[in-house]
Amino acid sequence: MDETTRKSLITAIEIVLLLVILYIIAGFLTGYLESVEEEMILTVLNAPQLVI
């Protein structure tokens, strides 16, 4: 295996790892934002009852 093939292989692996990490972060953020959004909606729906 020559040097250029090895370097391109390492670069490809780094790109794949980066994409996987970004995908995990994006999934985590989406789940977190959805749960926050649900809590906000519940708070808004419950707010009128608290006022009355």
N, C-alpha and C. Protein backbone atom coordinates (compact mmCIF):
# COMPACT_ATOMS: atom_id res chain seq x y z
N MET A 1 0.86 -1.19 0.00
CA MET A 1 0.00 0.00 0.00
C MET A 1 0.90 1.25 0.00
N ASP A 2 0.77 2.07 -1.03
CA ASP A 2 1.64 3.25 -1.10
C ASP A 2 1.07 4.40 -0.27
N GLU A 3 1.88 5.46 -0.14
CA GLU A 3 1.57 6.56 0.78
C GLU A 3 0.27 7.29 0.41
N THR A 4 0.08 7.57 -0.90
CA THR A 4 -1.11 8.34 -1.31
C THR A 4 -2.40 7.57 -1.05
N THR A 5 -2.38 6.26 -1.29
CA THR A 5 -3.57 5.44 -1.04
C THR A 5 -3.91 5.45 0.44
N ARG A 6 -2.86 5.35 1.27
CA ARG A 6 -3.05 5.34 2.72
C ARG A 6 -3.63 6.68 3.19
N LYS A 7 -3.10 7.77 2.67
CA LYS A 7 -3.59 9.10 3.06
C LYS A 7 -5.04 9.30 2.64
N SER A 8 -5.39 8.89 1.42
CA SER A 8 -6.77 9.07 0.96
C SER A 8 -7.72 8.18 1.76
N LEU A 9 -7.26 7.00 2.15
CA LEU A 9 -8.07 6.10 2.97
C LEU A 9 -8.33 6.72 4.34
N ILE A 10 -7.28 7.28 4.95
CA ILE A 10 -7.42 7.94 6.25
C ILE A 10 -8.38 9.13 6.14
N THR A 11 -8.24 9.91 5.06
CA THR A 11 -9.13 11.06 4.84
C THR A 11 -10.58 10.59 4.72
N ALA A 12 -10.80 9.51 3.97
CA ALA A 12 -12.16 8.97 3.80
C ALA A 12 -12.74 8.54 5.14
N ILE A 13 -11.93 7.87 5.95
CA ILE A 13 -12.38 7.42 7.28
C ILE A 13 -12.72 8.61 8.16
N GLU A 14 -11.88 9.66 8.12
CA GLU A 14 -12.14 10.87 8.91
C GLU A 14 -13.46 11.51 8.51
N ILE A 15 -13.72 11.59 7.19
CA ILE A 15 -14.96 12.19 6.69
C ILE A 15 -16.17 11.39 7.18
N VAL A 16 -16.08 10.06 7.09
CA VAL A 16 -17.18 9.20 7.54
C VAL A 16 -17.44 9.39 9.03
N LEU A 17 -16.37 9.41 9.83
CA LEU A 17 -16.51 9.61 11.27
C LEU A 17 -17.15 10.95 11.58
N LEU A 18 -16.72 11.99 10.86
CA LEU A 18 -17.26 13.33 11.05
C LEU A 18 -18.76 13.35 10.75
N LEU A 19 -19.15 12.70 9.65
CA LEU A 19 -20.57 12.64 9.27
C LEU A 19 -21.38 11.90 10.32
N VAL A 20 -20.84 10.80 10.84
CA VAL A 20 -21.53 10.03 11.87
C VAL A 20 -21.73 10.88 13.13
N ILE A 21 -20.68 11.59 13.53
CA ILE A 21 -20.76 12.45 14.72
C ILE A 21 -21.79 13.55 14.51
N LEU A 22 -21.77 14.19 13.33
CA LEU A 22 -22.74 15.24 13.03
C LEU A 22 -24.16 14.69 13.05
N TYR A 23 -24.33 13.47 12.49
CA TYR A 23 -25.65 12.84 12.46
C TYR A 23 -26.17 12.60 13.87
N ILE A 24 -25.29 12.11 14.75
CA ILE A 24 -25.67 11.84 16.15
C ILE A 24 -26.04 13.15 16.85
N ILE A 25 -25.22 14.20 16.65
CA ILE A 25 -25.49 15.50 17.28
C ILE A 25 -26.82 16.05 16.78
N ALA A 26 -27.05 15.96 15.46
CA ALA A 26 -28.29 16.46 14.88
C ALA A 26 -29.49 15.71 15.44
N GLY A 27 -29.39 14.39 15.56
CA GLY A 27 -30.47 13.58 16.12
C GLY A 27 -30.74 13.94 17.56
N PHE A 28 -29.68 14.13 18.33
CA PHE A 28 -29.82 14.50 19.74
C PHE A 28 -30.50 15.86 19.87
N LEU A 29 -30.03 16.84 19.07
CA LEU A 29 -30.60 18.19 19.13
C LEU A 29 -32.07 18.18 18.73
N THR A 30 -32.40 17.42 17.69
CA THR A 30 -33.79 17.34 17.23
C THR A 30 -34.68 16.78 18.34
N GLY A 31 -34.25 15.70 18.97
CA GLY A 31 -35.01 15.11 20.06
C GLY A 31 -35.16 16.07 21.23
N TYR A 32 -34.08 16.77 21.55
CA TYR A 32 -34.10 17.73 22.66
C TYR A 32 -35.06 18.87 22.36
N LEU A 33 -34.98 19.42 21.15
CA LEU A 33 -35.85 20.54 20.77
C LEU A 33 -37.31 20.12 20.77
N GLU A 34 -37.59 18.88 20.30
CA GLU A 34 -38.97 18.39 20.29
C GLU A 34 -39.52 18.29 21.70
N SER A 35 -38.72 17.79 22.64
CA SER A 35 -39.19 17.66 24.03
C SER A 35 -39.42 19.03 24.65
N VAL A 36 -38.53 19.98 24.36
CA VAL A 36 -38.69 21.35 24.87
C VAL A 36 -39.96 21.96 24.28
N GLU A 37 -40.17 21.73 22.97
CA GLU A 37 -41.34 22.27 22.29
C GLU A 37 -42.62 21.71 22.91
N GLU A 38 -42.65 20.41 23.19
CA GLU A 38 -43.82 19.79 23.82
C GLU A 38 -44.10 20.41 25.18
N GLU A 39 -43.05 20.62 25.97
CA GLU A 39 -43.21 21.23 27.29
C GLU A 39 -43.76 22.64 27.18
N MET A 40 -43.27 23.40 26.18
CA MET A 40 -43.74 24.78 25.99
C MET A 40 -45.22 24.79 25.60
N ILE A 41 -45.60 23.86 24.69
CA ILE A 41 -47.01 23.77 24.26
C ILE A 41 -47.89 23.43 25.46
N LEU A 42 -47.46 22.46 26.27
CA LEU A 42 -48.24 22.09 27.46
C LEU A 42 -48.36 23.26 28.42
N THR A 43 -47.27 24.00 28.59
CA THR A 43 -47.29 25.17 29.48
C THR A 43 -48.27 26.21 28.97
N VAL A 44 -48.24 26.46 27.65
CA VAL A 44 -49.14 27.46 27.05
C VAL A 44 -50.59 27.00 27.19
N LEU A 45 -50.84 25.69 26.98
CA LEU A 45 -52.21 25.17 27.08
C LEU A 45 -52.71 25.23 28.53
N ASN A 46 -51.82 25.04 29.48
CA ASN A 46 -52.20 25.06 30.89
C ASN A 46 -52.29 26.48 31.44
N ALA A 47 -51.65 27.43 30.78
CA ALA A 47 -51.60 28.81 31.27
C ALA A 47 -52.99 29.43 31.47
N PRO A 48 -53.93 29.31 30.51
CA PRO A 48 -55.26 29.90 30.71
C PRO A 48 -55.95 29.36 31.96
N GLN A 49 -55.79 28.08 32.23
CA GLN A 49 -56.41 27.47 33.42
C GLN A 49 -55.82 28.09 34.69
N LEU A 50 -54.52 28.38 34.66
CA LEU A 50 -53.87 28.98 35.82
C LEU A 50 -54.40 30.39 36.05
N VAL A 51 -54.66 31.12 34.96
CA VAL A 51 -55.14 32.50 35.06
C VAL A 51 -56.55 32.52 35.63
N ILE A 52 -57.39 31.59 35.17
CA ILE A 52 -58.78 31.50 35.64
C ILE A 52 -58.76 30.88 37.02
